[in-house]
C-alpha atoms as a PDB file:
ATOM      1  CA  MET A   1      -7.356   8.395  17.117  1.00  0.00           C
ATOM      2  CA  CYS A   2      -8.744   9.391  13.705  1.00  0.00           C
ATOM      3  CA  ASP A   3      -5.836  11.587  12.688  1.00  0.00           C
ATOM      4  CA  ILE A   4      -2.934  10.327  10.656  1.00  0.00           C
ATOM      5  CA  GLU A   5      -0.033   9.508  12.922  1.00  0.00           C
ATOM      6  CA  GLU A   6       3.509  10.510  12.086  1.00  0.00           C
ATOM      7  CA  THR A   7       4.199   6.852  11.391  1.00  0.00           C
ATOM      8  CA  GLU A   8       1.492   4.350  10.535  1.00  0.00           C
ATOM      9  CA  ILE A   9       2.304   0.682  10.494  1.00  0.00           C
ATOM     10  CA  VAL A  10      -1.260  -0.354   9.664  1.00  0.00           C
ATOM     11  CA  CYS A  11      -3.761   1.775   7.769  1.00  0.00           C
ATOM     12  CA  PRO A  12      -7.013   1.811   9.813  1.00  0.00           C
ATOM     13  CA  SER A  13      -9.102   2.384   6.680  1.00  0.00           C
ATOM     14  CA  ASP A  14      -7.623  -0.731   5.081  1.00  0.00           C
ATOM     15  CA  VAL A  15      -8.491  -2.712   8.212  1.00  0.00           C
ATOM     16  CA  PHE A  16     -12.090  -1.475   7.965  1.00  0.00           C
ATOM     17  CA  LEU A  17     -12.309  -2.333   4.273  1.00  0.00           C
ATOM     18  CA  GLN A  18     -10.856  -5.789   4.930  1.00  0.00           C
ATOM     19  CA  VAL A  19     -13.672  -6.511   7.409  1.00  0.00           C
ATOM     20  CA  ILE A  20     -16.479  -5.503   5.041  1.00  0.00           C
ATOM     21  CA  LYS A  21     -14.828  -6.759   1.846  1.00  0.00           C
ATOM     22  CA  GLY A  22     -16.698  -9.678   0.401  1.00  0.00           C
ATOM     23  CA  LYS A  23     -19.691 -10.551  -1.683  1.00  0.00           C
ATOM     24  CA  CYS A  24     -22.621  -8.541  -0.280  1.00  0.00           C
ATOM     25  CA  LYS A  25     -21.350  -8.373   3.321  1.00  0.00           C
ATOM     26  CA  THR A  26     -22.758  -4.873   3.656  1.00  0.00           C
ATOM     27  CA  THR A  27     -26.166  -6.079   2.450  1.00  0.00           C
ATOM     28  CA  LEU A  28     -26.065  -8.896   4.999  1.00  0.00           C
ATOM     29  CA  ILE A  29     -25.310  -6.375   7.765  1.00  0.00           C
ATOM     30  CA  VAL A  30     -28.280  -4.233   6.709  1.00  0.00           C
ATOM     31  CA  LEU A  31     -30.593  -7.252   6.441  1.00  0.00           C
ATOM     32  CA  ILE A  32     -29.638  -8.440   9.910  1.00  0.00           C
ATOM     33  CA  LYS A  33     -30.196  -4.936  11.296  1.00  0.00           C
ATOM     34  CA  LYS A  34     -33.681  -4.956   9.715  1.00  0.00           C
ATOM     35  CA  ASN A  35     -34.430  -8.308  11.415  1.00  0.00           C
ATOM     36  CA  ARG A  36     -34.350 -10.183   8.124  1.00  0.00           C
ATOM     37  CA  ASN A  37     -31.905 -12.339   9.948  1.00  0.00           C
ATOM     38  CA  ARG A  38     -32.643 -15.888   8.849  1.00  0.00           C
ATOM     39  CA  PHE A  39     -30.623 -17.553   6.120  1.00  0.00           C
ATOM     40  CA  THR A  40     -33.634 -18.204   3.851  1.00  0.00           C
ATOM     41  CA  GLU A  41     -34.649 -14.523   4.001  1.00  0.00           C
ATOM     42  CA  MET A  42     -31.132 -13.486   3.075  1.00  0.00           C
ATOM     43  CA  LYS A  43     -30.999 -15.979   0.212  1.00  0.00           C
ATOM     44  CA  LYS A  44     -34.336 -14.698  -1.095  1.00  0.00           C
ATOM     45  CA  THR A  45     -33.026 -11.114  -1.041  1.00  0.00           C
ATOM     46  CA  LEU A  46     -29.758 -12.091  -2.751  1.00  0.00           C
ATOM     47  CA  PRO A  47     -30.845 -14.583  -5.455  1.00  0.00           C
ATOM     48  CA  THR A  48     -27.660 -14.156  -7.517  1.00  0.00           C
ATOM     49  CA  ILE A  49     -25.395 -15.115  -4.596  1.00  0.00           C
ATOM     50  CA  SER A  50     -24.865 -18.809  -3.896  1.00  0.00           C
ATOM     51  CA  GLU A  51     -25.820 -20.308  -0.539  1.00  0.00           C
ATOM     52  CA  ARG A  52     -22.190 -21.288  -0.048  1.00  0.00           C
ATOM     53  CA  THR A  53     -21.049 -17.680  -0.521  1.00  0.00           C
ATOM     54  CA  ILE A  54     -23.691 -16.298   1.855  1.00  0.00           C
ATOM     55  CA  ALA A  55     -22.670 -18.866   4.478  1.00  0.00           C
ATOM     56  CA  LYS A  56     -18.986 -17.942   4.019  1.00  0.00           C
ATOM     57  CA  GLN A  57     -19.679 -14.218   4.399  1.00  0.00           C
ATOM     58  CA  LEU A  58     -21.795 -14.811   7.520  1.00  0.00           C
ATOM     59  CA  LYS A  59     -19.021 -16.954   9.005  1.00  0.00           C
ATOM     60  CA  GLU A  60     -16.440 -14.221   8.355  1.00  0.00           C
ATOM     61  CA  LEU A  61     -18.689 -11.561   9.912  1.00  0.00           C
ATOM     62  CA  GLU A  62     -19.129 -13.827  12.931  1.00  0.00           C
ATOM     63  CA  GLU A  63     -15.356 -14.400  13.203  1.00  0.00           C
ATOM     64  CA  ASP A  64     -14.792 -10.630  13.098  1.00  0.00           C
ATOM     65  CA  GLY A  65     -17.262 -10.128  15.958  1.00  0.00           C
ATOM     66  CA  ILE A  66     -19.754  -8.188  13.818  1.00  0.00           C
ATOM     67  CA  ILE A  67     -22.605 -10.700  14.168  1.00  0.00           C
ATOM     68  CA  ILE A  68     -23.593 -13.570  16.417  1.00  0.00           C
ATOM     69  CA  ARG A  69     -25.321 -16.753  15.316  1.00  0.00           C
ATOM     70  CA  LYS A  70     -28.094 -17.994  17.565  1.00  0.00           C
ATOM     71  CA  VAL A  71     -29.325 -21.571  17.162  1.00  0.00           C
ATOM     72  CA  PHE A  72     -32.780 -22.379  18.557  1.00  0.00           C
ATOM     73  CA  ASN A  73     -33.346 -25.916  19.721  1.00  0.00           C
ATOM     74  CA  GLU A  74     -36.525 -26.455  17.704  1.00  0.00           C
ATOM     75  CA  VAL A  75     -37.751 -28.793  15.019  1.00  0.00           C
ATOM     76  CA  PRO A  76     -37.077 -27.781  12.366  1.00  0.00           C
ATOM     77  CA  LEU A  77     -33.863 -26.178  13.533  1.00  0.00           C
ATOM     78  CA  ARG A  78     -33.979 -22.381  13.490  1.00  0.00           C
ATOM     79  CA  VAL A  79     -30.901 -20.177  13.180  1.00  0.00           C
ATOM     80  CA  GLU A  80     -30.927 -16.393  13.382  1.00  0.00           C
ATOM     81  CA  TYR A  81     -28.180 -13.820  13.127  1.00  0.00           C
ATOM     82  CA  TYR A  82     -27.892 -10.624  15.158  1.00  0.00           C
ATOM     83  CA  LEU A  83     -25.517  -7.682  15.143  1.00  0.00           C
ATOM     84  CA  THR A  84     -23.288  -7.557  18.169  1.00  0.00           C
ATOM     85  CA  GLU A  85     -22.864  -4.272  20.014  1.00  0.00           C
ATOM     86  CA  TYR A  86     -19.599  -3.965  18.084  1.00  0.00           C
ATOM     87  CA  GLY A  87     -21.479  -4.735  14.843  1.00  0.00           C
ATOM     88  CA  GLU A  88     -24.003  -2.002  15.595  1.00  0.00           C
ATOM     89  CA  SER A  89     -21.119   0.477  15.454  1.00  0.00           C
ATOM     90  CA  ILE A  90     -20.442  -0.388  11.805  1.00  0.00           C
ATOM     91  CA  HIS A  91     -24.067  -0.233  10.638  1.00  0.00           C
ATOM     92  CA  ALA A  92     -24.271   3.559  10.220  1.00  0.00           C
ATOM     93  CA  ILE A  93     -21.068   3.556   8.161  1.00  0.00           C
ATOM     94  CA  VAL A  94     -22.331   0.703   5.984  1.00  0.00           C
ATOM     95  CA  ARG A  95     -25.666   2.458   5.448  1.00  0.00           C
ATOM     96  CA  GLU A  96     -23.885   5.608   4.241  1.00  0.00           C
ATOM     97  CA  MET A  97     -21.584   3.591   1.991  1.00  0.00           C
ATOM     98  CA  ARG A  98     -24.590   1.907   0.399  1.00  0.00           C
ATOM     99  CA  LYS A  99     -26.255   5.294  -0.185  1.00  0.00           C
ATOM    100  CA  TRP A 100     -23.132   6.497  -1.930  1.00  0.00           C
ATOM    101  CA  GLY A 101     -22.988   3.276  -3.962  1.00  0.00           C
ATOM    102  CA  HIS A 102     -26.565   3.768  -5.191  1.00  0.00           C
ATOM    103  CA  MET A 103     -25.750   7.376  -6.077  1.00  0.00           C
ATOM    104  CA  HIS A 104     -22.645   6.258  -7.985  1.00  0.00           C
ATOM    105  CA  ILE A 105     -24.626   3.651  -9.951  1.00  0.00           C
ATOM    106  CA  GLN A 106     -27.072   6.360 -11.013  1.00  0.00           C
ATOM    107  CA  GLN A 107     -24.216   8.718 -11.871  1.00  0.00           C
ATOM    108  CA  LYS A 108     -22.552   6.085 -14.051  1.00  0.00           C
ATOM    109  CA  GLN A 109     -25.840   5.359 -15.844  1.00  0.00           C
ATOM    110  CA  LEU A 110     -26.386   9.070 -16.420  1.00  0.00           C
ATOM    111  CA  HIS A 111     -22.834   9.498 -17.699  1.00  0.00           C
ATOM    112  CA  LYS A 112     -23.168   6.425 -19.940  1.00  0.00           C
ATOM    113  CA  SER A 113     -26.401   7.699 -21.502  1.00  0.00           C
ATOM    114  CA  THR A 114     -24.836  11.158 -22.039  1.00  0.00           C
ATOM    115  CA  VAL A 115     -21.726   9.701 -23.687  1.00  0.00           C
ATOM    116  CA  SER A 116     -23.728   7.405 -25.966  1.00  0.00           C
ATOM    117  CA  LYS A 117     -25.687  10.391 -27.308  1.00  0.00           C
ATOM    118  CA  CYS A 118     -22.509  12.053 -28.597  1.00  0.00           C
END
């Protein structure tokens, strides 16, 4: 299942990347996992991302079966997002990708400061 087949019509890694590709989708997955699952909390955490973009990314994650949107019949209306069982399976991968991303940012900054000293 994880090995490369003799003939591959679709690259499984590309499929994975297509699902998580988007503005801060991985951050949204982590926030939802940490129960920071209301839109206003997400917006507060991602101040440089427009509300429209956050809504679009959440909709795509919902369409891909990664999250579910639960609407509470209250006044004011309350909406929360949760990882599906399927979405839980991607969380560990996303967490490791984010760790690597932070490490790469630090590496680039270190390299940049080393190069500028030359």
